[in-house]
Protein backbone atom coordinates (compact mmCIF):
# COMPACT_ATOMS: atom_id res chain seq x y z
CA MET A 1 -9.87 -6.30 -6.68
CA ILE A 2 -9.01 -6.49 -2.98
CA ASP A 3 -9.31 -9.80 -1.19
CA LYS A 4 -9.75 -10.28 2.57
CA ILE A 5 -11.61 -7.08 3.38
CA ASP A 6 -15.00 -7.64 4.92
CA GLY A 7 -16.35 -4.13 5.20
CA ILE A 8 -14.45 -1.35 6.88
CA ASN A 9 -13.07 -1.11 10.41
CA ASN A 10 -13.79 1.86 12.63
CA PHE A 11 -11.28 1.76 15.47
CA SER A 12 -11.27 4.65 17.89
CA TYR A 13 -7.90 6.00 18.97
CA GLU A 14 -8.34 4.40 22.38
CA GLU A 15 -8.99 0.95 20.86
CA ILE A 16 -5.74 0.94 18.89
CA PHE A 17 -2.71 -0.54 20.65
CA ILE A 18 1.03 -0.70 20.03
CA GLY A 19 1.72 -3.95 18.19
CA GLN A 20 -1.73 -4.16 16.58
CA THR A 21 -1.43 -5.59 13.08
CA CYS A 22 -3.50 -5.83 9.92
CA GLU A 23 -3.05 -7.19 6.43
CA LEU A 24 -4.71 -7.41 3.06
CA ILE A 25 -3.99 -9.25 -0.17
CA THR A 26 -4.49 -8.16 -3.77
CA ASN A 27 -3.47 -9.31 -7.23
CA ILE A 28 -2.05 -6.83 -9.72
CA SER A 29 -3.94 -6.93 -13.00
CA GLU A 30 -3.48 -5.39 -16.43
CA GLN A 31 -6.67 -3.42 -15.79
CA MET A 32 -5.16 -1.83 -12.67
CA GLN A 33 -2.04 -0.87 -14.64
CA GLN A 34 -4.11 0.64 -17.44
CA MET A 35 -6.36 2.56 -15.05
CA PHE A 36 -3.37 4.00 -13.20
CA HIS A 37 -1.77 4.93 -16.53
CA TYR A 38 -4.98 6.73 -17.56
CA ILE A 39 -5.45 8.53 -14.23
CA SER A 40 -1.82 9.54 -13.71
CA GLY A 41 -0.84 10.30 -17.30
CA ASP A 42 2.51 8.58 -16.64
CA ILE A 43 3.69 7.35 -20.04
CA ASN A 44 7.15 6.17 -18.97
CA PRO A 45 7.97 3.21 -21.26
CA LEU A 46 9.24 1.17 -18.31
CA HIS A 47 5.55 0.71 -17.47
CA THR A 48 4.08 0.64 -20.98
CA ASP A 49 6.61 -1.04 -23.30
CA GLU A 50 7.70 -4.61 -22.60
CA SER A 51 10.75 -4.54 -24.89
CA TYR A 52 11.95 -1.29 -23.36
CA ALA A 53 11.60 -2.72 -19.83
CA LYS A 54 13.52 -5.86 -20.83
CA LYS A 55 16.31 -3.74 -22.34
CA ARG A 56 16.56 -1.98 -18.97
CA GLY A 57 17.11 -5.36 -17.22
CA PHE A 58 13.58 -6.13 -15.99
CA ASN A 59 11.69 -9.37 -16.63
CA LYS A 60 8.78 -7.49 -18.22
CA ARG A 61 6.89 -4.19 -17.83
CA VAL A 62 7.15 -2.87 -14.29
CA VAL A 63 3.99 -2.00 -12.39
CA TYR A 64 3.82 1.64 -11.34
CA GLY A 65 5.36 1.99 -7.88
CA MET A 66 2.73 4.51 -6.89
CA LEU A 67 0.01 2.06 -7.93
CA THR A 68 1.35 -0.43 -5.40
CA ALA A 69 1.73 2.35 -2.82
CA THR A 70 -1.99 3.10 -3.05
CA PHE A 71 -2.54 -0.07 -1.05
CA TYR A 72 -0.98 1.65 1.97
CA SER A 73 -3.94 4.00 1.74
CA THR A 74 -6.30 1.03 1.57
CA LEU A 75 -4.59 -0.48 4.62
CA VAL A 76 -5.12 2.57 6.83
CA GLY A 77 -8.37 3.72 5.26
CA THR A 78 -10.17 0.40 5.68
CA LEU A 79 -8.33 -1.62 8.33
CA LEU A 80 -6.22 0.38 10.80
CA PRO A 81 -7.81 2.63 11.89
CA GLY A 82 -10.36 2.35 9.08
CA LYS A 83 -13.25 4.76 8.77
CA SER A 84 -11.74 7.28 11.22
CA CYS A 85 -8.47 7.56 9.22
CA LEU A 86 -6.90 10.94 8.43
CA PHE A 87 -3.78 10.05 6.39
CA HIS A 88 -1.03 12.56 7.26
CA GLU A 89 2.25 11.19 5.95
CA ALA A 90 3.86 8.31 4.06
CA ASP A 91 7.59 7.66 3.85
CA ILE A 92 7.84 4.91 1.23
CA LYS A 93 10.89 3.01 0.01
CA PHE A 94 10.55 1.00 -3.20
CA ARG A 95 12.81 -2.03 -2.88
CA ASN A 96 12.00 -4.48 -5.71
CA PRO A 97 9.94 -4.36 -8.90
CA VAL A 98 6.34 -5.54 -9.10
CA TYR A 99 5.07 -7.21 -12.27
CA LEU A 100 1.61 -7.76 -13.70
CA GLY A 101 0.04 -10.85 -12.15
CA ASP A 102 1.95 -10.53 -8.87
CA SER A 103 0.03 -11.24 -5.69
CA LEU A 104 0.79 -8.68 -3.00
CA LYS A 105 0.37 -8.95 0.75
CA ILE A 106 0.24 -5.58 2.48
CA VAL A 107 0.91 -5.71 6.23
CA GLY A 108 0.96 -3.00 8.84
CA GLN A 109 1.73 -2.74 12.53
CA CYS A 110 1.09 0.15 14.91
CA ILE A 111 4.46 1.07 16.41
CA GLU A 112 3.69 4.40 18.07
CA LYS A 113 0.80 6.47 19.43
CA ASN A 114 0.79 10.22 20.02
CA ASP A 115 -1.91 10.81 22.63
CA LEU A 116 -1.79 14.60 22.36
CA TYR A 117 -2.60 14.69 18.63
CA LYS A 118 -4.31 11.27 18.32
CA ILE A 119 -1.86 10.16 15.62
CA ILE A 120 -0.62 6.63 15.17
CA THR A 121 2.51 5.51 13.35
CA ILE A 122 2.30 2.32 11.32
CA LYS A 123 5.27 0.37 10.02
CA ALA A 124 4.13 -1.30 6.80
CA LYS A 125 5.54 -3.57 4.11
CA ILE A 126 4.34 -5.02 0.84
CA TYR A 127 5.46 -8.55 -0.02
CA ASN A 128 5.07 -10.33 -3.35
CA GLN A 129 4.01 -13.98 -3.79
CA ASP A 130 7.63 -15.07 -3.21
CA ASN A 131 7.67 -13.28 0.18
CA ILE A 132 10.08 -10.64 -1.19
CA VAL A 133 9.63 -7.13 0.19
CA VAL A 134 8.75 -4.87 -2.73
CA SER A 135 8.29 -1.74 -0.60
CA SER A 136 8.29 -0.58 2.99
CA ALA A 137 6.73 2.45 4.57
CA LYS A 138 6.30 4.45 7.73
CA LEU A 139 2.77 5.85 7.82
CA LYS A 140 1.41 8.57 10.12
CA VAL A 141 -2.33 8.53 10.52
CA GLY A 142 -4.66 10.70 12.52
CA VAL A 143 -7.65 9.05 14.13
CA ALA A 144 -10.66 11.34 13.73
CA HIS A 145 -13.08 11.99 16.54
CA GLU A 146 -16.73 11.18 15.90
């Protein structure tokens, strides 16, 4: 499902620097939508009924926003910091709809480090194939000690 991930990173807090970036790419499939529907129990017709979504002004069924937001977890849990990630907080803003078949690029950049608590802040965005921002987030992540 996820492209461009070769294994899992394991950055220590000391190795992470302000300005460090990471990105991953994925394509949203019908299977992902169905699995999220099954796991979440969200039966909102905006996500399940094409005619309903079109009546509401969308091109077709809208992908679950929280499905797309799970890729913020993938970003921090596999790339920055990776294995040592302790996800503390996510402030997410959904900006544009995502549709089945969209290709998403998830990018993150470390913008702050808290040396006392070993927490990094990552500014992240998800772009669709047309380079339109579909969501943005501020993520706070602890970096575990090994």
